[in-house]
Amino acid sequence: MTEYEIQLTPLALEMLGDVKDEREKVKLGDRIDKLKTEPEKQGKALVDNLTGFRSVRAVGQRYRIIYKIDAEKVIVFVIGVGRRKEGDKRDIYTMLEKLLGDE
């Protein structure tokens, strides 16, 4: 079984750094680490403005880890980490759609 390298973008590192609770931070780190094996079988494929990315739940159901797989290079790029707050401007999906739309 192939093991993927994990790379966190500067944005993902910043978002992870913004998590205040150390226990949640550790759980998020452990969940990201699990993406090393079979990341394509984890989480779900996203649609619309986030097509090409995948999302996996972490720390109960509160957080989402958004990532993209580069199978050729055997790398998982973690794009963002944040809380799912539907309808809130700080919702992880809303924030990433806005940031990725600006590129």
C-alpha atoms as a PDB file:
ATOM      1  CA  MET A   1       0.000   0.000   0.000  1.00  0.00           C
ATOM      2  CA  THR A   2       1.354   3.407  -1.003  1.00  0.00           C
ATOM      3  CA  GLU A   3       1.869   5.969   1.712  1.00  0.00           C
ATOM      4  CA  TYR A   4       1.165   9.563   0.731  1.00  0.00           C
ATOM      5  CA  GLU A   5       3.210  12.536   1.860  1.00  0.00           C
ATOM      6  CA  ILE A   6       1.149  15.180   3.664  1.00  0.00           C
ATOM      7  CA  GLN A   7       1.745  18.853   2.898  1.00  0.00           C
ATOM      8  CA  LEU A   8      -0.155  21.620   4.637  1.00  0.00           C
ATOM      9  CA  THR A   9      -0.562  24.902   2.800  1.00  0.00           C
ATOM     10  CA  PRO A  10       0.333  28.112   4.675  1.00  0.00           C
ATOM     11  CA  LEU A  11      -3.413  28.769   4.979  1.00  0.00           C
ATOM     12  CA  ALA A  12      -4.034  25.342   6.525  1.00  0.00           C
ATOM     13  CA  LEU A  13      -1.161  25.867   8.979  1.00  0.00           C
ATOM     14  CA  GLU A  14      -2.603  29.245   9.937  1.00  0.00           C
ATOM     15  CA  MET A  15      -6.097  27.767  10.387  1.00  0.00           C
ATOM     16  CA  LEU A  16      -4.695  24.927  12.502  1.00  0.00           C
ATOM     17  CA  GLY A  17      -2.771  27.475  14.575  1.00  0.00           C
ATOM     18  CA  ASP A  18      -6.032  29.354  15.217  1.00  0.00           C
ATOM     19  CA  VAL A  19      -7.529  26.317  16.994  1.00  0.00           C
ATOM     20  CA  LYS A  20      -7.345  27.260  20.677  1.00  0.00           C
ATOM     21  CA  ASP A  21      -8.117  23.893  22.303  1.00  0.00           C
ATOM     22  CA  GLU A  22      -4.943  21.761  22.409  1.00  0.00           C
ATOM     23  CA  ARG A  23      -6.921  18.492  22.549  1.00  0.00           C
ATOM     24  CA  GLU A  24      -8.785  19.461  19.380  1.00  0.00           C
ATOM     25  CA  LYS A  25      -5.477  20.411  17.737  1.00  0.00           C
ATOM     26  CA  VAL A  26      -4.022  16.974  18.555  1.00  0.00           C
ATOM     27  CA  LYS A  27      -7.128  15.208  17.217  1.00  0.00           C
ATOM     28  CA  LEU A  28      -6.973  17.262  14.012  1.00  0.00           C
ATOM     29  CA  GLY A  29      -3.291  16.387  13.601  1.00  0.00           C
ATOM     30  CA  ASP A  30      -4.040  12.683  14.106  1.00  0.00           C
ATOM     31  CA  ARG A  31      -6.858  12.827  11.551  1.00  0.00           C
ATOM     32  CA  ILE A  32      -4.631  14.591   9.004  1.00  0.00           C
ATOM     33  CA  ASP A  33      -2.005  11.893   9.600  1.00  0.00           C
ATOM     34  CA  LYS A  34      -4.545   9.201   8.662  1.00  0.00           C
ATOM     35  CA  LEU A  35      -4.768  10.724   5.170  1.00  0.00           C
ATOM     36  CA  LYS A  36      -1.357   9.161   4.438  1.00  0.00           C
ATOM     37  CA  THR A  37      -3.062   5.878   3.562  1.00  0.00           C
ATOM     38  CA  GLU A  38      -5.802   5.662   0.941  1.00  0.00           C
ATOM     39  CA  PRO A  39      -6.874   9.329   1.061  1.00  0.00           C
ATOM     40  CA  GLU A  40      -9.113   8.784  -1.971  1.00  0.00           C
ATOM     41  CA  LYS A  41     -11.252   6.386   0.099  1.00  0.00           C
ATOM     42  CA  GLN A  42     -11.717   8.881   2.924  1.00  0.00           C
ATOM     43  CA  GLY A  43     -14.065  11.808   3.167  1.00  0.00           C
ATOM     44  CA  LYS A  44     -16.221  12.928   0.289  1.00  0.00           C
ATOM     45  CA  ALA A  45     -15.646  14.672  -3.009  1.00  0.00           C
ATOM     46  CA  LEU A  46     -16.746  18.304  -2.997  1.00  0.00           C
ATOM     47  CA  VAL A  47     -18.745  19.998  -5.753  1.00  0.00           C
ATOM     48  CA  ASP A  48     -19.365  23.408  -7.321  1.00  0.00           C
ATOM     49  CA  ASN A  49     -16.583  25.902  -6.519  1.00  0.00           C
ATOM     50  CA  LEU A  50     -14.638  23.256  -4.570  1.00  0.00           C
ATOM     51  CA  THR A  51     -14.653  20.555  -7.255  1.00  0.00           C
ATOM     52  CA  GLY A  52     -11.403  18.590  -7.148  1.00  0.00           C
ATOM     53  CA  PHE A  53     -11.150  18.823  -3.382  1.00  0.00           C
ATOM     54  CA  ARG A  54     -12.223  16.330  -0.737  1.00  0.00           C
ATOM     55  CA  SER A  55     -13.511  16.869   2.799  1.00  0.00           C
ATOM     56  CA  VAL A  56     -13.168  14.642   5.833  1.00  0.00           C
ATOM     57  CA  ARG A  57     -14.777  15.149   9.249  1.00  0.00           C
ATOM     58  CA  ALA A  58     -12.695  15.455  12.398  1.00  0.00           C
ATOM     59  CA  VAL A  59     -13.125  16.036  16.150  1.00  0.00           C
ATOM     60  CA  GLY A  60     -16.594  14.555  16.268  1.00  0.00           C
ATOM     61  CA  GLN A  61     -18.504  16.301  13.505  1.00  0.00           C
ATOM     62  CA  ARG A  62     -17.394  19.868  14.218  1.00  0.00           C
ATOM     63  CA  TYR A  63     -14.333  20.253  12.003  1.00  0.00           C
ATOM     64  CA  ARG A  64     -13.626  19.624   8.335  1.00  0.00           C
ATOM     65  CA  ILE A  65     -10.257  19.004   6.766  1.00  0.00           C
ATOM     66  CA  ILE A  66     -10.247  20.030   3.109  1.00  0.00           C
ATOM     67  CA  TYR A  67      -7.622  18.382   0.930  1.00  0.00           C
ATOM     68  CA  LYS A  68      -6.564  17.651  -2.626  1.00  0.00           C
ATOM     69  CA  ILE A  69      -4.789  14.505  -3.801  1.00  0.00           C
ATOM     70  CA  ASP A  70      -1.939  14.495  -6.311  1.00  0.00           C
ATOM     71  CA  ALA A  71      -1.745  10.786  -7.144  1.00  0.00           C
ATOM     72  CA  GLU A  72       1.198  11.225  -9.539  1.00  0.00           C
ATOM     73  CA  LYS A  73       3.393  12.824  -6.884  1.00  0.00           C
ATOM     74  CA  VAL A  74       1.826  10.773  -4.061  1.00  0.00           C
ATOM     75  CA  ILE A  75       1.047  13.907  -2.053  1.00  0.00           C
ATOM     76  CA  VAL A  76      -2.020  15.006  -0.119  1.00  0.00           C
ATOM     77  CA  PHE A  77      -2.280  18.798   0.053  1.00  0.00           C
ATOM     78  CA  VAL A  78      -4.281  19.931   3.074  1.00  0.00           C
ATOM     79  CA  ILE A  79      -5.843  23.202   1.933  1.00  0.00           C
ATOM     80  CA  GLY A  80      -7.828  24.180   5.015  1.00  0.00           C
ATOM     81  CA  VAL A  81      -8.959  23.118   8.467  1.00  0.00           C
ATOM     82  CA  GLY A  82     -11.932  24.643  10.220  1.00  0.00           C
ATOM     83  CA  ARG A  83     -15.316  24.375  11.822  1.00  0.00           C
ATOM     84  CA  ARG A  84     -18.449  23.586   9.897  1.00  0.00           C
ATOM     85  CA  LYS A  85     -20.865  26.421  10.719  1.00  0.00           C
ATOM     86  CA  GLU A  86     -23.516  26.354   8.038  1.00  0.00           C
ATOM     87  CA  GLY A  87     -24.799  29.835   7.260  1.00  0.00           C
ATOM     88  CA  ASP A  88     -21.900  31.523   9.095  1.00  0.00           C
ATOM     89  CA  LYS A  89     -19.294  33.550   7.193  1.00  0.00           C
ATOM     90  CA  ARG A  90     -16.603  31.683   9.197  1.00  0.00           C
ATOM     91  CA  ASP A  91     -17.851  28.329   7.913  1.00  0.00           C
ATOM     92  CA  ILE A  92     -14.867  26.432   6.449  1.00  0.00           C
ATOM     93  CA  TYR A  93     -16.531  25.893   3.067  1.00  0.00           C
ATOM     94  CA  THR A  94     -17.623  29.534   2.766  1.00  0.00           C
ATOM     95  CA  MET A  95     -14.141  30.787   3.627  1.00  0.00           C
ATOM     96  CA  LEU A  96     -12.368  28.474   1.187  1.00  0.00           C
ATOM     97  CA  GLU A  97     -14.772  29.200  -1.670  1.00  0.00           C
ATOM     98  CA  LYS A  98     -14.103  32.898  -1.178  1.00  0.00           C
ATOM     99  CA  LEU A  99     -10.313  32.479  -0.928  1.00  0.00           C
ATOM    100  CA  LEU A 100     -10.036  30.056  -3.847  1.00  0.00           C
ATOM    101  CA  GLY A 101     -12.343  32.200  -5.944  1.00  0.00           C
ATOM    102  CA  ASP A 102      -9.963  35.147  -5.574  1.00  0.00           C
ATOM    103  CA  GLU A 103      -7.052  33.294  -7.209  1.00  0.00           C
END
